[in-house]
Amino acid sequence: MPDIIAIGGGQASFSFINKLRLLGYKKSVTLICGENFLPYQRPPLSKKFLIGDFEKERLFLKPQSFYNENNIEVIKGHKVQKIDRNTSKVLLDNGQSLEYKKLFLGLGSKPKLLPQKLINGISDIHYIRNIGDVDLIINKFLSKRKILILGGGFIGLEVASVARKLGINVTLIESEERILKRSSSENVAKYIKDIHLSNGVIIKEKTTVKKFISNKQEFLGILTNSGEEIFADFLIAGVGIEPNTIIADNAGLHIDNGIVVNENCRTNDPKIYAAGDCVSFPFNKSLIRLESVGNAIEQSEIAAENVLGNMLEYQPIPWFWSDQYNVKLQIVGLNKGYDRVFQRIDKDKNSFWYYKKDKLISIDAFNDPRSYMVGKKFLELKINPNPKDIVSTKIDLKNFLREIK
């Protein structure tokens, strides 16, 4: 019987089991991966892997030898059908039943799907979330000359940037009044939109699909809510993701925009912990869910500590990044509720600093790792610098931080 079972083949489950071993845990650990792959990273899927600049082997967080050397049993290609909390067992789709002492859920998330009534069996409509998705479209992607992207979030924008690198004509449509409405400020949205427009991407905001245009089952394009016809070789939908919660919900775990955990990353079942995209957790007196690699790593490591009885609280300073064209956007903190924003421009470096009253709450940095790192340290130390000092390029931020610490 495995002492600890982790479910999920992504960053969260890998970080959890790796931390267990780093903490000196010697007992048996089993990792269940629904896909027929070892745990792998997902950010490159919508970037270099999509255009063939990133070998599949490099996606994997560790080779098979790591799991062998650390006595971790990996079950690949089988999904958990049921969690039986009464008997402390998980049932796999091959009929296998495994008993656990502690269970970790790193179930991740899945793409929001377009309505089947709208698609109606039409081909060449794709999503990007796992290796299988990219394997299915990579040859088409490299050979097509015109694509349509639904969704102006980070996935859609990253796909647009790599498509333009290949010289593919791109039209991106967003149903909201602006791109990145759900994840970033107007300042960031405008900055990124201008980059895409300068690289030839056609962006249409406040635009929705009224119906698909097809020749039998072959995708040809869309008819928009404004009556415009947009034609393309194929379509990629990046209209958001949602947490994988079905097996947790069926097991009677508390669900609220994700599997609800407390500050110790524990669910309402004391034997079950969870972390990553699938989790909703307490943050600033409310429940939030973060979709980021940083959150998956840090939260899962706290879960591992607490499974072993250390009772640490997860108090994150959220961080994210996105690569588009020759621009790296680094974000730290959450800008929700900001009432003032200040821009720092230093040659080709650009950053936005968000304040709520007099409190610094977030930084967006474009090709500006120093502002990102210094801003992150400000947030960690709960230092609220005067915005006049932040925007002044006469002030070296690193020295400024050292002086006021």
Protein backbone atom coordinates (compact mmCIF):
# COMPACT_ATOMS: atom_id res chain seq x y z
CA MET A 1 0.00 0.00 0.00
CA PRO A 2 1.43 3.42 -0.94
CA ASP A 3 1.72 5.72 2.05
CA ILE A 4 1.15 8.78 -0.12
CA ILE A 5 -0.54 9.01 -3.52
CA ALA A 6 -0.33 12.08 -5.75
CA ILE A 7 -2.76 12.49 -8.62
CA GLY A 8 -1.77 14.62 -11.61
CA GLY A 9 0.99 14.77 -14.20
CA GLY A 10 1.87 18.46 -14.06
CA GLN A 11 4.01 20.90 -12.13
CA ALA A 12 2.00 20.66 -8.90
CA SER A 13 2.22 16.92 -8.35
CA PHE A 14 5.87 16.83 -9.37
CA SER A 15 6.74 19.66 -6.97
CA PHE A 16 4.87 17.86 -4.18
CA ILE A 17 6.64 14.50 -4.53
CA ASN A 18 10.01 16.11 -5.14
CA LYS A 19 9.66 18.16 -1.96
CA LEU A 20 8.72 15.04 0.02
CA ARG A 21 11.99 13.42 -0.95
CA LEU A 22 13.99 16.60 -0.31
CA LEU A 23 12.49 16.68 3.18
CA GLY A 24 13.81 13.18 3.76
CA TYR A 25 10.56 11.26 3.44
CA LYS A 26 11.54 7.64 2.73
CA LYS A 27 8.25 5.76 2.61
CA SER A 28 6.44 4.71 -0.57
CA VAL A 29 5.03 7.33 -2.93
CA THR A 30 2.87 6.70 -5.99
CA LEU A 31 2.24 9.26 -8.73
CA ILE A 32 -0.74 8.79 -11.08
CA CYS A 33 -0.54 10.57 -14.45
CA GLY A 34 -3.66 10.56 -16.60
CA GLU A 35 -1.63 11.16 -19.75
CA ASN A 36 0.87 8.62 -21.01
CA PHE A 37 3.77 10.89 -20.05
CA LEU A 38 5.94 11.66 -17.07
CA PRO A 39 5.14 15.03 -15.40
CA TYR A 40 5.95 17.89 -17.76
CA GLN A 41 5.90 21.67 -17.96
CA ARG A 42 3.17 23.38 -19.94
CA PRO A 43 4.30 26.99 -20.63
CA PRO A 44 6.44 26.02 -23.67
CA LEU A 45 3.43 24.36 -25.34
CA SER A 46 2.04 27.66 -26.60
CA LYS A 47 5.49 29.02 -27.45
CA LYS A 48 8.63 27.20 -28.67
CA PHE A 49 7.21 23.67 -28.62
CA LEU A 50 4.38 24.73 -30.91
CA ILE A 51 6.81 25.84 -33.62
CA GLY A 52 9.28 22.99 -33.21
CA ASP A 53 12.00 24.96 -31.39
CA PHE A 54 11.70 22.88 -28.21
CA GLU A 55 12.21 19.12 -28.16
CA LYS A 56 9.56 17.03 -26.41
CA GLU A 57 12.13 15.50 -24.06
CA ARG A 58 12.91 18.95 -22.67
CA LEU A 59 9.30 19.34 -21.52
CA PHE A 60 9.66 16.62 -18.90
CA LEU A 61 10.52 17.92 -15.44
CA LYS A 62 12.71 14.88 -14.72
CA PRO A 63 13.64 11.71 -16.63
CA GLN A 64 12.45 8.24 -15.63
CA SER A 65 15.75 7.67 -13.81
CA PHE A 66 14.80 10.31 -11.23
CA TYR A 67 11.68 8.39 -10.24
CA ASN A 68 13.56 5.09 -10.17
CA GLU A 69 16.34 6.48 -7.99
CA ASN A 70 13.84 8.08 -5.58
CA ASN A 71 11.61 4.99 -5.29
CA ILE A 72 8.58 6.76 -6.78
CA GLU A 73 6.13 4.53 -8.63
CA VAL A 74 4.67 6.31 -11.64
CA ILE A 75 1.41 5.07 -13.16
CA LYS A 76 1.03 6.61 -16.62
CA GLY A 77 -1.91 6.63 -18.99
CA HIS A 78 -4.59 5.86 -16.41
CA LYS A 79 -7.04 8.28 -14.86
CA VAL A 80 -8.57 8.17 -11.42
CA GLN A 81 -12.27 7.43 -11.71
CA LYS A 82 -13.19 7.72 -8.06
CA ILE A 83 -11.87 8.70 -4.65
CA ASP A 84 -13.49 6.60 -1.91
CA ARG A 85 -12.91 8.57 1.27
CA ASN A 86 -14.61 5.92 3.42
CA THR A 87 -12.03 3.29 2.54
CA SER A 88 -9.19 5.72 1.68
CA LYS A 89 -8.86 4.27 -1.81
CA VAL A 90 -8.60 5.60 -5.35
CA LEU A 91 -10.09 3.63 -8.24
CA LEU A 92 -8.40 3.83 -11.64
CA ASP A 93 -9.97 3.46 -15.07
CA ASN A 94 -8.28 0.07 -15.49
CA GLY A 95 -10.05 -1.27 -12.41
CA GLN A 96 -7.00 -1.02 -10.18
CA SER A 97 -7.66 0.08 -6.61
CA LEU A 98 -5.00 1.77 -4.45
CA GLU A 99 -5.24 2.53 -0.74
CA TYR A 100 -3.62 5.67 0.67
CA LYS A 101 -2.70 7.15 4.02
CA LYS A 102 -2.46 10.66 2.57
CA LEU A 103 -3.66 11.87 -0.83
CA PHE A 104 -2.51 14.87 -2.87
CA LEU A 105 -4.57 16.35 -5.71
CA GLY A 106 -2.65 18.23 -8.39
CA LEU A 107 -5.44 17.90 -10.93
CA GLY A 108 -4.70 21.09 -12.84
CA SER A 109 -7.16 22.67 -15.22
CA LYS A 110 -8.74 22.16 -18.62
CA PRO A 111 -9.65 24.50 -21.48
CA LYS A 112 -13.11 25.97 -21.60
CA LEU A 113 -14.69 24.39 -24.66
CA LEU A 114 -16.71 26.11 -27.32
CA PRO A 115 -20.38 25.02 -27.37
CA GLN A 116 -20.86 21.81 -29.38
CA LYS A 117 -23.98 23.32 -30.91
CA LEU A 118 -21.78 26.07 -32.36
CA ILE A 119 -19.03 23.72 -33.56
CA ASN A 120 -21.44 21.08 -34.92
CA GLY A 121 -18.70 18.62 -35.83
CA ILE A 122 -16.52 21.05 -37.78
CA SER A 123 -12.83 20.09 -38.01
CA ASP A 124 -9.75 22.29 -37.58
CA ILE A 125 -10.92 23.79 -34.29
CA HIS A 126 -8.26 23.27 -31.66
CA TYR A 127 -7.20 24.00 -28.08
CA ILE A 128 -3.72 24.08 -26.50
CA ARG A 129 -3.41 22.57 -23.04
CA ASN A 130 -1.38 19.38 -23.28
CA ILE A 131 1.18 17.57 -25.46
CA GLY A 132 -1.56 15.74 -27.32
CA ASP A 133 -3.18 19.02 -28.33
CA VAL A 134 0.06 20.33 -29.84
CA ASP A 135 0.95 17.01 -31.49
CA LEU A 136 -2.43 17.16 -33.20
CA ILE A 137 -1.91 20.59 -34.74
CA ILE A 138 1.82 21.22 -35.04
CA ASN A 139 2.15 20.10 -38.66
CA LYS A 140 -0.97 22.04 -39.63
CA PHE A 141 0.27 25.06 -37.74
CA LEU A 142 3.62 25.05 -39.50
CA SER A 143 2.05 24.63 -42.95
CA LYS A 144 -0.93 27.00 -42.79
CA ARG A 145 -0.84 30.60 -43.85
CA LYS A 146 -3.80 32.06 -41.99
CA ILE A 147 -5.14 31.28 -38.53
CA LEU A 148 -7.94 32.62 -36.39
CA ILE A 149 -7.51 32.83 -32.62
CA LEU A 150 -10.47 33.11 -30.29
CA GLY A 151 -9.54 34.73 -27.00
CA GLY A 152 -7.31 37.63 -26.08
CA GLY A 153 -5.78 36.13 -22.95
CA PHE A 154 -2.15 35.14 -22.54
CA ILE A 155 -2.50 31.80 -24.36
CA GLY A 156 -4.09 33.38 -27.42
CA LEU A 157 -1.57 36.21 -27.49
CA GLU A 158 1.41 33.88 -27.10
CA VAL A 159 0.16 31.71 -29.96
CA ALA A 160 -0.31 34.84 -32.07
CA SER A 161 3.28 35.91 -31.43
CA VAL A 162 4.82 32.58 -32.47
CA ALA A 163 2.54 32.42 -35.52
CA ARG A 164 3.77 35.80 -36.69
CA LYS A 165 7.34 34.60 -36.20
CA LEU A 166 6.55 32.01 -38.88
CA GLY A 167 4.95 34.60 -41.14
CA ILE A 168 1.43 33.25 -40.60
CA ASN A 169 -1.39 35.77 -40.96
CA VAL A 170 -3.24 36.08 -37.65
CA THR A 171 -6.63 37.46 -36.72
CA LEU A 172 -7.42 37.45 -33.01
CA ILE A 173 -10.89 38.16 -31.67
CA GLU A 174 -11.83 38.98 -28.08
CA SER A 175 -15.39 39.10 -26.77
CA GLU A 176 -14.59 41.66 -24.06
CA GLU A 177 -13.99 45.35 -24.76
CA ARG A 178 -10.24 44.76 -24.56
CA ILE A 179 -7.69 41.97 -24.50
CA LEU A 180 -6.47 40.66 -21.13
CA LYS A 181 -9.63 41.96 -19.43
CA ARG A 182 -9.69 39.12 -16.91
CA SER A 183 -6.01 39.10 -16.02
CA SER A 184 -4.29 42.46 -16.51
CA SER A 185 -4.75 46.21 -16.30
CA GLU A 186 -5.60 48.55 -19.16
CA ASN A 187 -1.98 49.72 -19.14
CA VAL A 188 -0.63 46.24 -19.83
CA ALA A 189 -3.37 45.47 -22.33
CA LYS A 190 -2.61 48.59 -24.37
CA TYR A 191 1.14 47.97 -24.23
CA ILE A 192 0.77 44.38 -25.46
CA LYS A 193 -1.89 45.25 -28.02
CA ASP A 194 0.41 47.85 -29.59
CA ILE A 195 3.19 45.26 -29.83
CA HIS A 196 0.90 42.82 -31.63
CA LEU A 197 -0.49 45.48 -33.98
CA SER A 198 3.05 46.55 -34.89
CA ASN A 199 3.80 42.91 -35.74
CA GLY A 200 0.84 42.62 -38.09
CA VAL A 201 -1.76 40.88 -35.92
CA ILE A 202 -5.34 41.92 -36.62
CA ILE A 203 -7.13 42.33 -33.27
CA LYS A 204 -10.90 42.65 -33.06
CA GLU A 205 -12.31 43.40 -29.61
CA LYS A 206 -15.97 43.28 -28.55
CA THR A 207 -16.36 40.55 -31.17
CA THR A 208 -18.06 37.18 -30.81
CA VAL A 209 -18.77 34.20 -33.06
CA LYS A 210 -22.31 34.13 -34.37
CA LYS A 211 -21.72 30.98 -36.39
CA PHE A 212 -18.98 28.98 -38.09
CA ILE A 213 -18.63 28.97 -41.85
CA SER A 214 -17.86 25.53 -43.26
CA ASN A 215 -17.89 23.33 -46.32
CA LYS A 216 -19.54 20.23 -44.90
CA GLN A 217 -17.25 19.56 -41.89
CA GLU A 218 -14.31 21.62 -43.15
CA PHE A 219 -13.70 24.85 -41.24
CA LEU A 220 -13.57 27.93 -43.46
CA GLY A 221 -14.13 30.82 -41.07
CA ILE A 222 -16.64 32.60 -38.85
CA LEU A 223 -19.50 35.04 -39.03
CA THR A 224 -19.17 37.61 -36.23
CA ASN A 225 -21.81 39.39 -34.19
CA SER A 226 -21.27 42.47 -36.37
CA GLY A 227 -22.00 40.49 -39.54
CA GLU A 228 -18.36 40.35 -40.69
CA GLU A 229 -17.03 37.17 -42.28
CA ILE A 230 -13.47 36.21 -41.28
CA PHE A 231 -11.83 33.35 -43.18
CA ALA A 232 -8.89 31.25 -42.02
CA ASP A 233 -7.23 27.85 -42.50
CA PHE A 234 -7.95 26.75 -38.96
CA LEU A 235 -8.89 28.03 -35.53
CA ILE A 236 -7.30 27.92 -32.09
CA ALA A 237 -9.56 28.64 -29.13
CA GLY A 238 -8.04 30.12 -25.99
CA VAL A 239 -11.15 31.28 -24.18
CA GLY A 240 -10.00 30.45 -20.67
CA ILE A 241 -9.50 27.45 -18.45
CA GLU A 242 -11.42 25.91 -15.57
CA PRO A 243 -10.25 23.77 -12.66
CA ASN A 244 -10.47 19.98 -12.83
CA THR A 245 -12.72 19.25 -9.88
CA ILE A 246 -15.04 16.41 -10.95
CA ILE A 247 -13.49 13.56 -8.96
CA ALA A 248 -13.02 15.83 -5.94
CA ASP A 249 -16.63 17.01 -6.16
CA ASN A 250 -17.90 13.43 -6.49
CA ALA A 251 -15.89 12.55 -3.39
CA GLY A 252 -17.68 15.23 -1.39
CA LEU A 253 -14.80 17.67 -1.11
CA HIS A 254 -15.72 21.35 -0.80
CA ILE A 255 -15.75 23.06 -4.23
CA ASP A 256 -15.90 26.81 -4.88
CA ASN A 257 -14.21 27.81 -8.14
CA GLY A 258 -11.79 25.00 -7.41
CA ILE A 259 -11.09 22.53 -4.65
CA VAL A 260 -11.21 24.60 -1.47
CA VAL A 261 -8.22 24.23 0.83
CA ASN A 262 -7.26 26.05 4.01
CA GLU A 263 -4.06 27.99 4.68
CA ASN A 264 -2.28 24.65 5.18
CA CYS A 265 -3.33 23.40 1.68
CA ARG A 266 -5.64 20.81 3.27
CA THR A 267 -9.14 20.08 2.02
CA ASN A 268 -12.15 19.43 4.26
CA ASP A 269 -10.84 15.84 4.49
CA PRO A 270 -7.80 15.77 6.81
CA LYS A 271 -6.19 13.03 4.69
CA ILE A 272 -6.41 14.98 1.42
CA TYR A 273 -4.30 17.95 0.32
CA ALA A 274 -4.39 19.85 -2.97
CA ALA A 275 -2.53 22.60 -4.83
CA GLY A 276 -2.11 24.34 -8.18
CA ASP A 277 -4.61 25.40 -10.84
CA CYS A 278 -7.34 23.19 -9.39
CA VAL A 279 -7.33 24.86 -5.98
CA SER A 280 -9.17 27.78 -4.40
CA PHE A 281 -7.43 29.06 -1.27
CA PRO A 282 -7.68 31.90 1.30
CA PHE A 283 -5.87 35.10 0.34
CA ASN A 284 -6.50 38.54 1.82
CA LYS A 285 -9.76 37.43 3.46
CA SER A 286 -11.24 35.90 0.31
CA LEU A 287 -10.89 32.75 -1.79
CA ILE A 288 -8.81 33.02 -4.94
CA ARG A 289 -7.49 30.64 -7.58
CA LEU A 290 -4.15 31.27 -9.30
CA GLU A 291 -3.21 29.85 -12.69
CA SER A 292 0.57 30.00 -12.66
CA VAL A 293 3.67 27.86 -12.46
CA GLY A 294 4.88 29.79 -9.44
CA ASN A 295 1.74 29.05 -7.48
CA ALA A 296 1.82 25.37 -8.44
CA ILE A 297 5.40 25.00 -7.20
CA GLU A 298 5.18 26.98 -3.98
CA GLN A 299 1.76 25.78 -2.87
CA SER A 300 2.61 22.13 -3.55
CA GLU A 301 5.82 22.39 -1.54
CA ILE A 302 3.88 23.81 1.41
CA ALA A 303 1.41 20.91 1.04
CA ALA A 304 4.33 18.46 1.22
CA GLU A 305 5.61 20.11 4.39
CA ASN A 306 2.18 19.86 5.99
CA VAL A 307 1.54 16.26 4.93
CA LEU A 308 4.60 15.50 7.05
CA GLY A 309 3.14 17.41 9.98
CA ASN A 310 4.95 20.76 9.78
CA MET A 311 1.78 22.89 9.61
CA LEU A 312 3.10 25.79 7.55
CA GLU A 313 0.77 28.45 6.14
CA TYR A 314 0.74 29.27 2.45
CA GLN A 315 1.06 33.05 2.15
CA PRO A 316 2.12 33.68 -1.44
CA ILE A 317 3.30 36.72 -3.29
CA PRO A 318 1.92 35.69 -6.69
CA TRP A 319 4.19 35.90 -9.73
CA PHE A 320 3.67 35.23 -13.43
CA TRP A 321 5.40 35.72 -16.75
CA SER A 322 4.66 35.75 -20.47
CA ASP A 323 6.98 35.78 -23.50
CA GLN A 324 5.72 37.46 -26.66
CA TYR A 325 7.99 38.40 -29.59
CA ASN A 326 11.13 39.88 -28.00
CA VAL A 327 9.25 41.06 -24.92
CA LYS A 328 9.21 39.35 -21.52
CA LEU A 329 6.44 40.45 -19.20
CA GLN A 330 7.01 39.66 -15.51
CA ILE A 331 4.24 40.23 -13.00
CA VAL A 332 4.41 40.10 -9.23
CA GLY A 333 1.51 40.68 -6.86
CA LEU A 334 -2.17 41.12 -7.72
CA ASN A 335 -3.39 44.52 -8.89
CA LYS A 336 -7.05 43.94 -8.04
CA GLY A 337 -8.54 47.04 -6.46
CA TYR A 338 -5.69 49.40 -7.38
CA ASP A 339 -6.56 53.10 -7.44
CA ARG A 340 -3.27 54.54 -8.72
CA VAL A 341 -0.71 53.33 -11.22
CA PHE A 342 2.73 54.79 -11.96
CA GLN A 343 4.88 54.08 -14.99
CA ARG A 344 8.67 53.86 -14.88
CA ILE A 345 10.43 54.17 -18.24
CA ASP A 346 14.16 53.64 -18.41
CA LYS A 347 15.42 53.41 -22.01
CA ASP A 348 13.94 50.16 -23.39
CA LYS A 349 12.71 49.06 -19.96
CA ASN A 350 9.17 49.72 -18.86
CA SER A 351 7.26 48.93 -15.69
CA PHE A 352 3.91 49.75 -14.09
CA TRP A 353 3.57 50.03 -10.30
CA TYR A 354 0.11 49.61 -8.77
CA TYR A 355 -0.97 51.17 -5.49
CA LYS A 356 -4.09 50.80 -3.39
CA LYS A 357 -4.21 53.98 -1.36
CA ASP A 358 -0.57 54.19 -0.25
CA LYS A 359 0.13 50.46 -0.40
CA LEU A 360 2.15 48.91 -3.22
CA ILE A 361 0.27 45.81 -4.40
CA SER A 362 1.65 44.80 -7.80
CA ILE A 363 4.27 45.41 -10.51
CA ASP A 364 4.17 44.67 -14.24
CA ALA A 365 7.65 44.78 -15.80
CA PHE A 366 8.43 44.66 -19.53
CA ASN A 367 12.01 43.60 -20.31
CA ASP A 368 12.86 45.00 -16.89
CA PRO A 369 14.00 42.22 -14.55
CA ARG A 370 15.48 44.70 -12.06
CA SER A 371 12.12 46.43 -11.48
CA TYR A 372 10.49 43.03 -11.16
CA MET A 373 13.00 41.71 -8.61
CA VAL A 374 13.12 44.93 -6.58
CA GLY A 375 9.34 45.21 -6.66
CA LYS A 376 9.04 41.62 -5.49
CA LYS A 377 11.35 42.37 -2.58
CA PHE A 378 9.29 45.45 -1.68
CA LEU A 379 6.18 43.27 -1.51
CA GLU A 380 7.93 40.58 0.52
CA LEU A 381 9.20 43.14 3.04
CA LYS A 382 5.91 45.07 2.97
CA ILE A 383 7.72 48.26 2.02
CA ASN A 384 5.65 50.95 0.29
CA PRO A 385 8.06 53.24 -1.57
CA ASN A 386 7.09 56.76 -2.53
CA PRO A 387 5.82 56.63 -6.15
CA LYS A 388 7.86 59.75 -6.96
CA ASP A 389 11.01 57.76 -6.22
CA ILE A 390 9.79 54.83 -8.30
CA VAL A 391 9.20 56.84 -11.48
CA SER A 392 12.45 58.77 -11.22
CA THR A 393 15.07 57.21 -13.49
CA LYS A 394 17.71 59.15 -11.57
CA ILE A 395 17.21 56.61 -8.79
CA ASP A 396 18.80 53.19 -9.08
CA LEU A 397 16.12 50.87 -7.71
CA LYS A 398 18.54 48.30 -6.36
CA ASN A 399 20.48 50.90 -4.39
CA PHE A 400 17.21 52.53 -3.34
CA LEU A 401 15.98 49.23 -1.91
CA ARG A 402 19.25 48.73 -0.04
CA GLU A 403 19.01 52.20 1.50
CA ILE A 404 15.45 51.92 2.80
CA LYS A 405 15.59 48.32 4.07
